[in-house]
């Protein structure tokens, strides 16, 4: 049985030849090229990376279940 509009050809594996799946390598390549273009578009290749300052006033302790939490947020 052949779908309407298609022909059956002996010796051709249509499932393997015309699969509708993108390979992971192709997706990775396209995402890499897109990211490279975004970096160039916004001039991020010249950006100077900064470190995020670390908070020194956080009081971390264990709650009643023994899980580490920020005590200033939990009200303990």
PDB file of N, CA and C in Angstrom:
ATOM      1  N   UNK A   1       0.848  -1.173   0.000  1.00  0.00           N
ATOM      2  CA  UNK A   1       0.000   0.000   0.000  1.00  0.00           C
ATOM      3  C   UNK A   1       0.898   1.242   0.000  1.00  0.00           C
ATOM      4  N   UNK A   2       0.551   2.200  -0.837  1.00  0.00           N
ATOM      5  CA  UNK A   2       1.326   3.436  -0.963  1.00  0.00           C
ATOM      6  C   UNK A   2       0.388   4.609  -0.726  1.00  0.00           C
ATOM      7  N   UNK A   3       0.871   5.614   0.027  1.00  0.00           N
ATOM      8  CA  UNK A   3       0.050   6.797   0.290  1.00  0.00           C
ATOM      9  C   UNK A   3      -0.206   7.552  -1.001  1.00  0.00           C
ATOM     10  N   UNK A   4      -1.284   8.284  -1.017  1.00  0.00           N
ATOM     11  CA  UNK A   4      -1.675   9.020  -2.208  1.00  0.00           C
ATOM     12  C   UNK A   4      -0.625  10.084  -2.551  1.00  0.00           C
ATOM     13  N   UNK A   5      -0.224  10.142  -3.794  1.00  0.00           N
ATOM     14  CA  UNK A   5       0.746  11.127  -4.242  1.00  0.00           C
ATOM     15  C   UNK A   5       2.181  10.626  -4.194  1.00  0.00           C
ATOM     16  N   UNK A   6       2.395   9.426  -3.704  1.00  0.00           N
ATOM     17  CA  UNK A   6       3.732   8.859  -3.622  1.00  0.00           C
ATOM     18  C   UNK A   6       3.809   7.604  -4.480  1.00  0.00           C
ATOM     19  N   UNK A   7       5.000   7.271  -4.903  1.00  0.00           N
ATOM     20  CA  UNK A   7       5.198   6.054  -5.674  1.00  0.00           C
ATOM     21  C   UNK A   7       6.097   5.116  -4.905  1.00  0.00           C
ATOM     22  N   UNK A   8       5.920   3.836  -5.149  1.00  0.00           N
ATOM     23  CA  UNK A   8       6.717   2.834  -4.487  1.00  0.00           C
ATOM     24  C   UNK A   8       7.864   2.447  -5.412  1.00  0.00           C
ATOM     25  N   UNK A   9       9.079   2.552  -4.908  1.00  0.00           N
ATOM     26  CA  UNK A   9      10.262   2.230  -5.704  1.00  0.00           C
ATOM     27  C   UNK A   9      10.965   1.076  -5.023  1.00  0.00           C
ATOM     28  N   UNK A  10      11.249   0.047  -5.782  1.00  0.00           N
ATOM     29  CA  UNK A  10      11.884  -1.136  -5.216  1.00  0.00           C
ATOM     30  C   UNK A  10      13.354  -0.845  -4.889  1.00  0.00           C
ATOM     31  N   UNK A  11      13.796  -1.234  -3.699  1.00  0.00           N
ATOM     32  CA  UNK A  11      15.186  -1.072  -3.310  1.00  0.00           C
ATOM     33  C   UNK A  11      15.499   0.233  -2.608  1.00  0.00           C
ATOM     34  N   UNK A  12      14.529   1.140  -2.456  1.00  0.00           N
ATOM     35  CA  UNK A  12      14.762   2.412  -1.779  1.00  0.00           C
ATOM     36  C   UNK A  12      14.100   2.361  -0.411  1.00  0.00           C
ATOM     37  N   UNK A  13      14.872   2.600   0.624  1.00  0.00           N
ATOM     38  CA  UNK A  13      14.347   2.616   1.989  1.00  0.00           C
ATOM     39  C   UNK A  13      13.946   4.047   2.317  1.00  0.00           C
ATOM     40  N   UNK A  14      12.669   4.358   2.153  1.00  0.00           N
ATOM     41  CA  UNK A  14      12.199   5.721   2.368  1.00  0.00           C
ATOM     42  C   UNK A  14      12.240   6.111   3.840  1.00  0.00           C
ATOM     43  N   UNK A  15      12.074   5.133   4.728  1.00  0.00           N
ATOM     44  CA  UNK A  15      12.120   5.446   6.161  1.00  0.00           C
ATOM     45  C   UNK A  15      13.508   5.909   6.575  1.00  0.00           C
ATOM     46  N   UNK A  16      14.546   5.271   6.056  1.00  0.00           N
ATOM     47  CA  UNK A  16      15.907   5.645   6.421  1.00  0.00           C
ATOM     48  C   UNK A  16      16.417   6.843   5.631  1.00  0.00           C
ATOM     49  N   UNK A  17      15.990   6.998   4.405  1.00  0.00           N
ATOM     50  CA  UNK A  17      16.492   8.061   3.541  1.00  0.00           C
ATOM     51  C   UNK A  17      15.811   9.389   3.809  1.00  0.00           C
ATOM     52  N   UNK A  18      14.528   9.374   4.047  1.00  0.00           N
ATOM     53  CA  UNK A  18      13.762  10.596   4.184  1.00  0.00           C
ATOM     54  C   UNK A  18      13.182  10.744   5.596  1.00  0.00           C
ATOM     55  N   UNK A  19      13.978  10.430   6.600  1.00  0.00           N
ATOM     56  CA  UNK A  19      13.509  10.551   7.980  1.00  0.00           C
ATOM     57  C   UNK A  19      13.339  12.025   8.337  1.00  0.00           C
ATOM     58  N   UNK A  20      12.329  12.327   9.125  1.00  0.00           N
ATOM     59  CA  UNK A  20      12.032  13.702   9.515  1.00  0.00           C
ATOM     60  C   UNK A  20      12.649  14.053  10.864  1.00  0.00           C
ATOM     61  N   UNK A  21      13.820  13.552  11.128  1.00  0.00           N
ATOM     62  CA  UNK A  21      14.494  13.819  12.389  1.00  0.00           C
ATOM     63  C   UNK A  21      15.774  14.587  12.140  1.00  0.00           C
ATOM     64  N   UNK A  22      16.039  15.538  12.993  1.00  0.00           N
ATOM     65  CA  UNK A  22      17.299  16.280  12.901  1.00  0.00           C
ATOM     66  C   UNK A  22      18.304  15.594  13.814  1.00  0.00           C
ATOM     67  N   UNK A  23      19.503  15.464  13.361  1.00  0.00           N
ATOM     68  CA  UNK A  23      20.543  14.849  14.180  1.00  0.00           C
ATOM     69  C   UNK A  23      20.984  15.839  15.249  1.00  0.00           C
ATOM     70  N   UNK A  24      21.390  15.295  16.373  1.00  0.00           N
ATOM     71  CA  UNK A  24      21.801  16.126  17.496  1.00  0.00           C
ATOM     72  C   UNK A  24      22.986  17.009  17.126  1.00  0.00           C
ATOM     73  N   UNK A  25      23.884  16.496  16.306  1.00  0.00           N
ATOM     74  CA  UNK A  25      25.041  17.291  15.882  1.00  0.00           C
ATOM     75  C   UNK A  25      24.611  18.507  15.071  1.00  0.00           C
ATOM     76  N   UNK A  26      23.597  18.350  14.242  1.00  0.00           N
ATOM     77  CA  UNK A  26      23.109  19.469  13.434  1.00  0.00           C
ATOM     78  C   UNK A  26      22.463  20.530  14.310  1.00  0.00           C
ATOM     79  N   UNK A  27      21.689  20.103  15.293  1.00  0.00           N
ATOM     80  CA  UNK A  27      21.057  21.061  16.203  1.00  0.00           C
ATOM     81  C   UNK A  27      22.113  21.800  17.001  1.00  0.00           C
ATOM     82  N   UNK A  28      23.131  21.075  17.478  1.00  0.00           N
ATOM     83  CA  UNK A  28      24.205  21.696  18.249  1.00  0.00           C
ATOM     84  C   UNK A  28      24.960  22.712  17.396  1.00  0.00           C
ATOM     85  N   UNK A  29      25.200  22.378  16.137  1.00  0.00           N
ATOM     86  CA  UNK A  29      25.900  23.282  15.227  1.00  0.00           C
ATOM     87  C   UNK A  29      25.097  24.555  15.003  1.00  0.00           C
ATOM     88  N   UNK A  30      23.802  24.414  14.755  1.00  0.00           N
ATOM     89  CA  UNK A  30      22.964  25.591  14.517  1.00  0.00           C
ATOM     90  C   UNK A  30      22.862  26.475  15.754  1.00  0.00           C
ATOM     91  N   UNK A  31      22.750  25.869  16.939  1.00  0.00           N
ATOM     92  CA  UNK A  31      22.706  26.670  18.164  1.00  0.00           C
ATOM     93  C   UNK A  31      24.026  27.390  18.405  1.00  0.00           C
ATOM     94  N   UNK A  32      25.130  26.737  18.078  1.00  0.00           N
ATOM     95  CA  UNK A  32      26.437  27.378  18.229  1.00  0.00           C
ATOM     96  C   UNK A  32      26.600  28.564  17.297  1.00  0.00           C
ATOM     97  N   UNK A  33      26.172  28.402  16.061  1.00  0.00           N
ATOM     98  CA  UNK A  33      26.257  29.510  15.101  1.00  0.00           C
ATOM     99  C   UNK A  33      25.347  30.664  15.520  1.00  0.00           C
ATOM    100  N   UNK A  34      24.161  30.329  16.034  1.00  0.00           N
ATOM    101  CA  UNK A  34      23.244  31.371  16.496  1.00  0.00           C
ATOM    102  C   UNK A  34      23.847  32.132  17.669  1.00  0.00           C
ATOM    103  N   UNK A  35      24.414  31.403  18.623  1.00  0.00           N
ATOM    104  CA  UNK A  35      25.013  32.060  19.792  1.00  0.00           C
ATOM    105  C   UNK A  35      26.183  32.942  19.382  1.00  0.00           C
ATOM    106  N   UNK A  36      26.979  32.485  18.426  1.00  0.00           N
ATOM    107  CA  UNK A  36      28.112  33.285  17.950  1.00  0.00           C
ATOM    108  C   UNK A  36      27.621  34.586  17.312  1.00  0.00           C
ATOM    109  N   UNK A  37      26.541  34.508  16.545  1.00  0.00           N
ATOM    110  CA  UNK A  37      25.985  35.702  15.915  1.00  0.00           C
ATOM    111  C   UNK A  37      25.401  36.659  16.952  1.00  0.00           C
ATOM    112  N   UNK A  38      24.791  36.140  18.006  1.00  0.00           N
ATOM    113  CA  UNK A  38      24.239  36.993  19.057  1.00  0.00           C
ATOM    114  C   UNK A  38      25.373  37.721  19.768  1.00  0.00           C
ATOM    115  N   UNK A  39      26.466  37.016  20.034  1.00  0.00           N
ATOM    116  CA  UNK A  39      27.611  37.639  20.704  1.00  0.00           C
ATOM    117  C   UNK A  39      28.158  38.779  19.857  1.00  0.00           C
ATOM    118  N   UNK A  40      28.286  38.552  18.558  1.00  0.00           N
ATOM    119  CA  UNK A  40      28.786  39.610  17.669  1.00  0.00           C
ATOM    120  C   UNK A  40      27.793  40.761  17.560  1.00  0.00           C
ATOM    121  N   UNK A  41      26.502  40.437  17.467  1.00  0.00           N
ATOM    122  CA  UNK A  41      25.476  41.461  17.271  1.00  0.00           C
ATOM    123  C   UNK A  41      25.450  42.462  18.426  1.00  0.00           C
ATOM    124  N   UNK A  42      25.571  41.981  19.644  1.00  0.00           N
ATOM    125  CA  UNK A  42      25.495  42.846  20.799  1.00  0.00           C
ATOM    126  C   UNK A  42      26.857  43.283  21.317  1.00  0.00           C
ATOM    127  N   UNK A  43      27.928  42.938  20.612  1.00  0.00           N
ATOM    128  CA  UNK A  43      29.259  43.377  20.987  1.00  0.00           C
ATOM    129  C   UNK A  43      29.770  42.760  22.273  1.00  0.00           C
ATOM    130  N   UNK A  44      29.347  41.551  22.577  1.00  0.00           N
ATOM    131  CA  UNK A  44      29.734  40.920  23.835  1.00  0.00           C
ATOM    132  C   UNK A  44      31.139  40.355  23.812  1.00  0.00           C
ATOM    133  N   UNK A  45      31.756  40.239  22.632  1.00  0.00           N
ATOM    134  CA  UNK A  45      33.123  39.718  22.596  1.00  0.00           C
ATOM    135  C   UNK A  45      34.107  40.706  23.208  1.00  0.00           C
ATOM    136  N   UNK A  46      33.708  41.985  23.299  1.00  0.00           N
ATOM    137  CA  UNK A  46      34.563  43.014  23.898  1.00  0.00           C
ATOM    138  C   UNK A  46      34.211  43.258  25.366  1.00  0.00           C
ATOM    139  N   UNK A  47      33.208  42.567  25.867  1.00  0.00           N
ATOM    140  CA  UNK A  47      32.745  42.803  27.233  1.00  0.00           C
ATOM    141  C   UNK A  47      33.773  42.319  28.243  1.00  0.00           C
ATOM    142  N   UNK A  48      33.850  43.038  29.344  1.00  0.00           N
ATOM    143  CA  UNK A  48      34.747  42.688  30.430  1.00  0.00           C
ATOM    144  C   UNK A  48      33.935  41.944  31.492  1.00  0.00           C
ATOM    145  N   UNK A  49      34.163  40.640  31.671  1.00  0.00           N
ATOM    146  CA  UNK A  49      33.341  39.904  32.634  1.00  0.00           C
ATOM    147  C   UNK A  49      33.586  40.364  34.056  1.00  0.00           C
ATOM    148  N   UNK A  50      32.545  40.443  34.834  1.00  0.00           N
ATOM    149  CA  UNK A  50      32.615  40.868  36.229  1.00  0.00           C
ATOM    150  C   UNK A  50      32.165  39.722  37.113  1.00  0.00           C
ATOM    151  N   UNK A  51      32.728  39.673  38.297  1.00  0.00           N
ATOM    152  CA  UNK A  51      32.297  38.676  39.267  1.00  0.00           C
ATOM    153  C   UNK A  51      31.157  39.257  40.085  1.00  0.00           C
ATOM    154  N   UNK A  52      30.222  38.421  40.443  1.00  0.00           N
ATOM    155  CA  UNK A  52      29.117  38.846  41.277  1.00  0.00           C
ATOM    156  C   UNK A  52      29.598  38.922  42.719  1.00  0.00           C
ATOM    157  N   UNK A  53      29.357  40.036  43.390  1.00  0.00           N
ATOM    158  CA  UNK A  53      29.817  40.133  44.784  1.00  0.00           C
ATOM    159  C   UNK A  53      29.084  39.127  45.659  1.00  0.00           C
ATOM    160  N   UNK A  54      29.814  38.548  46.577  1.00  0.00           N
ATOM    161  CA  UNK A  54      29.247  37.554  47.469  1.00  0.00           C
ATOM    162  C   UNK A  54      28.651  38.249  48.690  1.00  0.00           C
ATOM    163  N   UNK A  55      27.460  37.844  49.067  1.00  0.00           N
ATOM    164  CA  UNK A  55      26.829  38.407  50.251  1.00  0.00           C
ATOM    165  C   UNK A  55      27.517  37.845  51.492  1.00  0.00           C
ATOM    166  N   UNK A  56      27.853  38.719  52.435  1.00  0.00           N
ATOM    167  CA  UNK A  56      28.554  38.283  53.640  1.00  0.00           C
ATOM    168  C   UNK A  56      27.657  38.281  54.866  1.00  0.00           C
ATOM    169  N   UNK A  57      26.425  38.774  54.725  1.00  0.00           N
ATOM    170  CA  UNK A  57      25.559  38.866  55.892  1.00  0.00           C
ATOM    171  C   UNK A  57      24.465  37.804  55.918  1.00  0.00           C
ATOM    172  N   UNK A  58      24.618  36.742  55.151  1.00  0.00           N
ATOM    173  CA  UNK A  58      23.613  35.684  55.120  1.00  0.00           C
ATOM    174  C   UNK A  58      23.852  34.742  56.287  1.00  0.00           C
ATOM    175  N   UNK A  59      22.805  34.448  57.024  1.00  0.00           N
ATOM    176  CA  UNK A  59      22.896  33.511  58.140  1.00  0.00           C
ATOM    177  C   UNK A  59      22.259  32.197  57.700  1.00  0.00           C
ATOM    178  N   UNK A  60      23.095  31.214  57.429  1.00  0.00           N
ATOM    179  CA  UNK A  60      22.600  29.923  56.972  1.00  0.00           C
ATOM    180  C   UNK A  60      22.628  28.953  58.144  1.00  0.00           C
ATOM    181  N   UNK A  61      21.528  28.264  58.332  1.00  0.00           N
ATOM    182  CA  UNK A  61      21.428  27.281  59.401  1.00  0.00           C
ATOM    183  C   UNK A  61      20.480  26.175  58.997  1.00  0.00           C
ATOM    184  N   UNK A  62      20.293  25.228  59.885  1.00  0.00           N
ATOM    185  CA  UNK A  62      19.399  24.098  59.620  1.00  0.00           C
ATOM    186  C   UNK A  62      18.005  24.410  60.130  1.00  0.00           C
ATOM    187  N   UNK A  63      16.998  24.039  59.352  1.00  0.00           N
ATOM    188  CA  UNK A  63      15.623  24.170  59.818  1.00  0.00           C
ATOM    189  C   UNK A  63      15.253  22.918  60.607  1.00  0.00           C
ATOM    190  N   UNK A  64      13.990  22.777  60.988  1.00  0.00           N
ATOM    191  CA  UNK A  64      13.590  21.638  61.797  1.00  0.00           C
ATOM    192  C   UNK A  64      13.712  20.301  61.071  1.00  0.00           C
ATOM    193  N   UNK A  65      13.766  20.321  59.729  1.00  0.00           N
ATOM    194  CA  UNK A  65      13.944  19.088  58.968  1.00  0.00           C
ATOM    195  C   UNK A  65      15.408  18.775  58.710  1.00  0.00           C
ATOM    196  N   UNK A  66      16.322  19.643  59.122  1.00  0.00           N
ATOM    197  CA  UNK A  66      17.742  19.415  58.924  1.00  0.00           C
ATOM    198  C   UNK A  66      18.261  19.921  57.590  1.00  0.00           C
ATOM    199  N   UNK A  67      17.480  20.729  56.887  1.00  0.00           N
ATOM    200  CA  UNK A  67      17.858  21.258  55.585  1.00  0.00           C
ATOM    201  C   UNK A  67      18.469  22.643  55.778  1.00  0.00           C
ATOM    202  N   UNK A  68      19.576  22.907  55.067  1.00  0.00           N
ATOM    203  CA  UNK A  68      20.223  24.229  55.162  1.00  0.00           C
ATOM    204  C   UNK A  68      19.351  25.288  54.511  1.00  0.00           C
ATOM    205  N   UNK A  69      19.051  26.364  55.244  1.00  0.00           N
ATOM    206  CA  UNK A  69      18.239  27.457  54.727  1.00  0.00           C
ATOM    207  C   UNK A  69      18.812  28.780  55.196  1.00  0.00           C
ATOM    208  N   UNK A  70      18.445  29.836  54.487  1.00  0.00           N
ATOM    209  CA  UNK A  70      18.803  31.187  54.898  1.00  0.00           C
ATOM    210  C   UNK A  70      17.858  31.581  56.023  1.00  0.00           C
ATOM    211  N   UNK A  71      18.399  31.766  57.222  1.00  0.00           N
ATOM    212  CA  UNK A  71      17.553  32.013  58.396  1.00  0.00           C
ATOM    213  C   UNK A  71      16.879  33.383  58.333  1.00  0.00           C
ATOM    214  N   UNK A  72      17.458  34.327  57.602  1.00  0.00           N
ATOM    215  CA  UNK A  72      16.812  35.637  57.505  1.00  0.00           C
ATOM    216  C   UNK A  72      15.529  35.559  56.689  1.00  0.00           C
ATOM    217  N   UNK A  73      15.422  34.584  55.792  1.00  0.00           N
ATOM    218  CA  UNK A  73      14.208  34.424  54.977  1.00  0.00           C
ATOM    219  C   UNK A  73      13.188  33.517  55.647  1.00  0.00           C
ATOM    220  N   UNK A  74      13.674  32.556  56.428  1.00  0.00           N
ATOM    221  CA  UNK A  74      12.761  31.576  57.009  1.00  0.00           C
ATOM    222  C   UNK A  74      12.144  32.057  58.318  1.00  0.00           C
ATOM    223  N   UNK A  75      12.700  33.103  58.924  1.00  0.00           N
ATOM    224  CA  UNK A  75      12.143  33.625  60.157  1.00  0.00           C
ATOM    225  C   UNK A  75      12.549  32.819  61.381  1.00  0.00           C
ATOM    226  N   UNK A  76      13.600  32.011  61.259  1.00  0.00           N
ATOM    227  CA  UNK A  76      14.056  31.190  62.388  1.00  0.00           C
ATOM    228  C   UNK A  76      14.931  32.000  63.300  1.00  0.00           C
TER     229      UNK A  76
END
